[in-house]
Protein backbone atom coordinates (compact mmCIF):
# COMPACT_ATOMS: atom_id res chain seq x y z
CA MET A 1 -12.81 -18.59 1.14
CA SER A 2 -11.52 -18.20 4.67
CA LYS A 3 -13.55 -18.72 7.82
CA LEU A 4 -13.49 -14.94 8.39
CA ASP A 5 -14.95 -14.25 4.93
CA SER A 6 -17.74 -16.74 5.51
CA THR A 7 -18.68 -15.05 8.76
CA ILE A 8 -18.72 -11.58 7.25
CA SER A 9 -20.84 -12.60 4.27
CA LEU A 10 -23.62 -13.74 6.59
CA SER A 11 -23.72 -10.57 8.65
CA PRO A 12 -26.16 -8.50 6.50
CA CYS A 13 -28.76 -11.28 6.55
CA MET A 14 -28.37 -11.67 10.30
CA PHE A 15 -28.64 -7.89 10.74
CA VAL A 16 -31.90 -7.70 8.78
CA LEU A 17 -33.38 -10.62 10.72
CA ILE A 18 -32.46 -9.13 14.10
CA VAL A 19 -33.81 -5.70 13.18
CA ALA A 20 -37.08 -7.06 11.80
CA THR A 21 -37.61 -9.10 14.96
CA ALA A 22 -36.76 -6.30 17.37
CA MET A 23 -38.61 -3.36 15.82
CA PRO A 24 -42.17 -4.37 16.80
CA CYS A 25 -41.01 -4.33 20.41
CA LEU A 26 -39.36 -0.92 20.09
CA SER A 27 -42.08 0.95 18.21
CA THR A 28 -44.89 2.77 20.00
CA PRO A 29 -47.67 5.06 18.70
CA ALA A 30 -45.67 8.07 19.96
CA ALA A 31 -42.73 7.11 17.74
CA ALA A 32 -44.23 8.44 14.50
CA GLN A 33 -41.89 10.58 12.42
CA ASP A 34 -41.75 14.17 13.67
CA LYS A 35 -42.56 16.50 10.76
CA SER A 36 -40.15 19.14 12.12
CA PHE A 37 -37.15 17.06 11.01
CA LYS A 38 -35.98 17.93 7.50
CA TYR A 39 -32.94 15.67 7.02
CA GLU A 40 -32.27 11.93 7.31
CA LEU A 41 -28.89 10.20 7.34
CA ALA A 42 -28.71 6.41 7.01
CA PRO A 43 -25.60 4.20 6.87
CA ILE A 44 -26.52 1.09 4.88
CA VAL A 45 -25.35 -2.53 4.90
CA GLY A 46 -26.52 -4.94 2.22
CA PHE A 47 -25.90 -8.11 0.26
CA ARG A 48 -25.63 -7.74 -3.52
CA THR A 49 -25.98 -10.39 -6.21
CA GLY A 50 -25.58 -10.53 -9.98
CA GLY A 51 -23.72 -8.59 -12.65
CA SER A 52 -21.77 -9.73 -15.71
CA PHE A 53 -20.04 -8.44 -18.85
CA ASP A 54 -20.13 -10.37 -22.13
CA GLU A 55 -17.44 -10.22 -24.79
CA ASP A 56 -18.41 -8.48 -28.02
CA GLY A 57 -18.56 -11.20 -30.66
CA GLY A 58 -16.94 -13.85 -28.47
CA PRO A 59 -17.65 -16.40 -25.73
CA GLY A 60 -15.74 -14.57 -22.97
CA GLU A 61 -17.47 -13.34 -19.82
CA ILE A 62 -16.66 -11.47 -16.62
CA GLU A 63 -19.05 -12.28 -13.77
CA LEU A 64 -19.21 -10.44 -10.46
CA GLU A 65 -19.53 -12.65 -7.39
CA ASP A 66 -22.17 -12.11 -4.72
CA SER A 67 -20.87 -10.11 -1.76
CA ASN A 68 -21.58 -7.53 0.92
CA ALA A 69 -22.12 -3.86 0.07
CA LEU A 70 -21.86 -0.77 2.26
CA GLY A 71 -23.28 2.67 1.66
CA LEU A 72 -24.63 5.96 2.92
CA MET A 73 -27.92 7.69 2.14
CA PHE A 74 -28.82 11.35 2.75
CA ASN A 75 -32.43 12.43 2.33
CA ILE A 76 -33.95 15.93 2.37
CA LYS A 77 -37.68 16.34 2.95
CA ALA A 78 -39.43 17.92 -0.04
CA HIS A 79 -42.99 17.61 1.31
CA ALA A 80 -44.97 15.41 3.69
CA ASN A 81 -44.44 12.26 1.61
CA GLY A 82 -41.51 13.07 -0.65
CA GLN A 83 -37.75 13.27 -0.13
CA TYR A 84 -34.76 14.09 -2.29
CA GLU A 85 -32.23 11.27 -2.03
CA PHE A 86 -28.43 11.16 -2.35
CA LEU A 87 -26.94 7.67 -2.42
CA TYR A 88 -23.42 6.29 -2.28
CA SER A 89 -22.78 2.54 -2.29
CA ARG A 90 -19.62 0.44 -2.55
CA GLN A 91 -19.27 -3.28 -3.23
CA SER A 92 -15.85 -4.93 -2.88
CA THR A 93 -16.08 -8.25 -4.68
CA ASP A 94 -14.29 -10.69 -6.99
CA ALA A 95 -14.79 -10.95 -10.72
CA ARG A 96 -14.53 -14.37 -12.35
CA THR A 97 -13.08 -14.33 -15.87
CA GLU A 98 -13.86 -16.97 -18.47
CA GLY A 99 -12.36 -17.31 -21.93
CA PHE A 100 -9.70 -14.58 -21.81
CA LEU A 101 -6.61 -15.76 -19.93
CA VAL A 102 -5.02 -19.07 -19.02
CA ASN A 103 -6.72 -20.76 -16.04
CA ASP A 104 -9.54 -18.13 -16.02
CA PRO A 105 -8.22 -16.13 -13.03
CA THR A 106 -10.38 -14.26 -10.51
CA ILE A 107 -9.58 -10.57 -9.98
CA ASP A 108 -10.62 -8.05 -7.33
CA MET A 109 -13.30 -5.57 -8.37
CA ASP A 110 -14.77 -2.55 -6.57
CA VAL A 111 -18.20 -1.31 -7.73
CA GLU A 112 -19.23 2.18 -6.63
CA ASN A 113 -22.61 3.89 -7.18
CA PHE A 114 -23.07 7.68 -7.08
CA HIS A 115 -26.77 8.49 -7.40
CA ILE A 116 -29.36 11.21 -6.81
CA GLY A 117 -33.12 10.84 -6.93
CA GLY A 118 -36.13 10.69 -4.69
CA THR A 119 -38.12 8.64 -2.19
CA TYR A 120 -41.90 8.58 -1.80
CA LEU A 121 -43.15 7.47 1.63
CA PHE A 122 -46.73 6.30 1.94
CA ASP A 123 -48.82 7.46 4.88
CA GLY A 124 -48.31 5.67 8.17
CA ASP A 125 -47.28 6.12 11.77
CA ASN A 126 -44.55 3.76 12.92
CA THR A 127 -44.48 1.79 9.66
CA ARG A 128 -44.17 3.65 6.34
CA PRO A 129 -43.79 1.75 3.06
CA PHE A 130 -41.79 3.61 0.41
CA MET A 131 -40.57 3.57 -3.18
CA ALA A 132 -37.29 5.09 -4.41
CA VAL A 133 -35.79 5.91 -7.82
CA THR A 134 -32.27 7.27 -8.41
CA VAL A 135 -29.99 7.98 -11.38
CA GLY A 136 -26.28 8.59 -11.61
CA ALA A 137 -23.07 6.74 -12.36
CA THR A 138 -21.47 3.40 -11.54
CA ARG A 139 -17.69 3.03 -11.45
CA PHE A 140 -15.90 -0.30 -11.87
CA ASP A 141 -12.38 -0.38 -10.45
CA PRO A 142 -10.36 -3.57 -11.17
CA GLY A 143 -7.81 -4.50 -8.52
CA LEU A 144 -4.91 -4.73 -10.98
CA ALA A 145 -1.84 -2.49 -11.12
CA ASP A 146 -1.92 0.27 -13.77
CA THR A 147 -5.49 -0.62 -14.72
CA SER A 148 -7.99 2.09 -15.62
CA THR A 149 -11.45 2.43 -14.09
CA GLU A 150 -14.63 2.53 -16.16
CA THR A 151 -17.69 4.67 -15.39
CA PHE A 152 -21.14 4.21 -16.92
CA PHE A 153 -24.61 5.74 -16.55
CA SER A 154 -26.83 3.81 -14.14
CA PHE A 155 -30.11 3.96 -12.26
CA SER A 156 -31.78 2.15 -9.39
CA VAL A 157 -35.33 1.30 -8.32
CA GLY A 158 -36.15 0.18 -4.80
CA GLY A 159 -38.90 -0.33 -2.31
CA GLY A 160 -39.33 -1.31 1.29
CA VAL A 161 -40.48 -0.10 4.67
CA GLN A 162 -39.24 2.45 7.18
CA LEU A 163 -39.81 1.58 10.85
CA ASN A 164 -39.77 4.43 13.36
CA ALA A 165 -38.52 3.45 16.80
CA THR A 166 -38.37 7.02 18.12
CA LYS A 167 -38.86 10.50 16.69
CA ARG A 168 -35.17 10.75 15.77
CA PHE A 169 -34.24 7.13 15.05
CA GLY A 170 -35.63 4.45 12.80
CA VAL A 171 -34.70 1.55 10.56
CA ARG A 172 -34.92 1.32 6.77
CA LEU A 173 -35.41 -2.13 5.18
CA GLU A 174 -35.48 -2.41 1.40
CA ALA A 175 -34.76 -4.32 -1.76
CA ARG A 176 -33.15 -2.45 -4.66
CA VAL A 177 -32.06 -3.22 -8.20
CA PHE A 178 -29.10 -1.37 -9.78
CA ALA A 179 -28.95 -1.27 -13.59
CA THR A 180 -25.80 -0.06 -15.36
CA LEU A 181 -25.93 0.74 -19.10
CA VAL A 182 -22.69 -0.29 -20.81
CA ASP A 183 -21.83 1.22 -24.20
CA ASP A 184 -21.33 -1.01 -27.22
CA ASP A 185 -17.70 -1.86 -28.07
CA THR A 186 -16.41 -0.56 -24.72
CA ASP A 187 -12.87 -1.64 -23.84
CA PHE A 188 -12.90 -2.95 -20.27
CA ILE A 189 -10.08 -3.68 -17.80
CA CYS A 190 -7.40 -1.83 -19.73
CA ARG A 191 -3.85 -1.39 -18.47
CA SER A 192 -0.84 0.58 -19.63
CA SER A 193 2.88 0.12 -19.04
CA PRO A 194 6.20 1.20 -20.59
CA GLN A 195 6.16 -2.07 -22.55
CA GLY A 196 2.73 -1.32 -24.01
CA GLY A 197 -0.89 -1.69 -23.05
CA GLY A 198 -4.01 -3.63 -23.81
CA CYS A 199 -7.56 -4.43 -22.72
CA LEU A 200 -8.86 -7.69 -21.36
CA ILE A 201 -12.29 -7.49 -22.97
CA GLN A 202 -14.31 -5.51 -25.47
CA VAL A 203 -17.85 -5.75 -24.14
CA ASP A 204 -21.08 -5.96 -26.05
CA ALA A 205 -23.81 -3.39 -25.41
CA THR A 206 -25.54 -4.69 -22.32
CA THR A 207 -27.21 -3.84 -19.03
CA VAL A 208 -25.35 -4.99 -15.94
CA THR A 209 -28.08 -5.78 -13.41
CA GLN A 210 -27.42 -6.24 -9.69
CA TRP A 211 -29.91 -6.97 -6.91
CA GLU A 212 -29.42 -5.91 -3.31
CA ALA A 213 -31.19 -6.57 0.01
CA ARG A 214 -30.23 -3.78 2.41
CA ALA A 215 -30.90 -2.33 5.84
CA GLY A 216 -29.89 0.89 7.54
CA LEU A 217 -30.23 2.88 10.74
CA VAL A 218 -31.98 6.22 10.11
CA TYR A 219 -31.08 9.37 12.04
CA ARG A 220 -33.32 12.46 11.61
CA PHE A 221 -32.30 16.03 12.30
C-alpha cells in the first residue's frame, strides 16, 4: 500500500473524531431542528469492514478488504419522528482470492448499495438518537475486463445520533451493518470472451455481512 493510500484510509476516523469534538461547541439551544423543513440531504463518508464469499463444496474463499466507503442519503419527513430514507453507498476495495488461481491474486472490487427504508428519530433538541432500517440491492462489480456484475437482495440496520448545529445544518454519526443474501450455487466473477468463458467461483448460500462506521453533514430544506 502506498503512502497516499495509508493517508486516505485514516481520513474517515479522523473526520468522525473532529466532528464529535467540535459539535458541543457549535450547538446551542436555538439550534433544534426546525419542523418546517421536510427534506434532508447528507453526503456520507465511512469505513467499512468485513465481507466474504465461500466456495460451494470447496475450500476457496473471496474476502473483501477493509476500506473507505462514500455515499449519499436523502430523507423525507413522514411525521415528527419518522423519515423515509433513500440510501446510496459505494465501496471501492480489493478482494483477496484463496484457492482458485495460482498465487491467489488480489482483484479490484466495487460494492454498491441501493436502498430505501426509514429512520426513526427519538425526541431531543440538539442531540437526537435514531434508528434506521433499509432494504434494497447490493451490486458487486469485479475490476476485470469482460467480467459480469452480480446483484443480490440486501438490507441494512443502523443507529446513531444526529447533532444539530443550526436549523439548516447538522451532523449525522452512526454505525450500520449491511447484510447481502447470496443465492445457493451462484456463479460469481464470470467472464466471457471469443475463446470461451468461465466463472471463478460457485458460491455457497451465505450472508455477506459488512460493518460500517460513518459520518455525514446534514442539510435541511
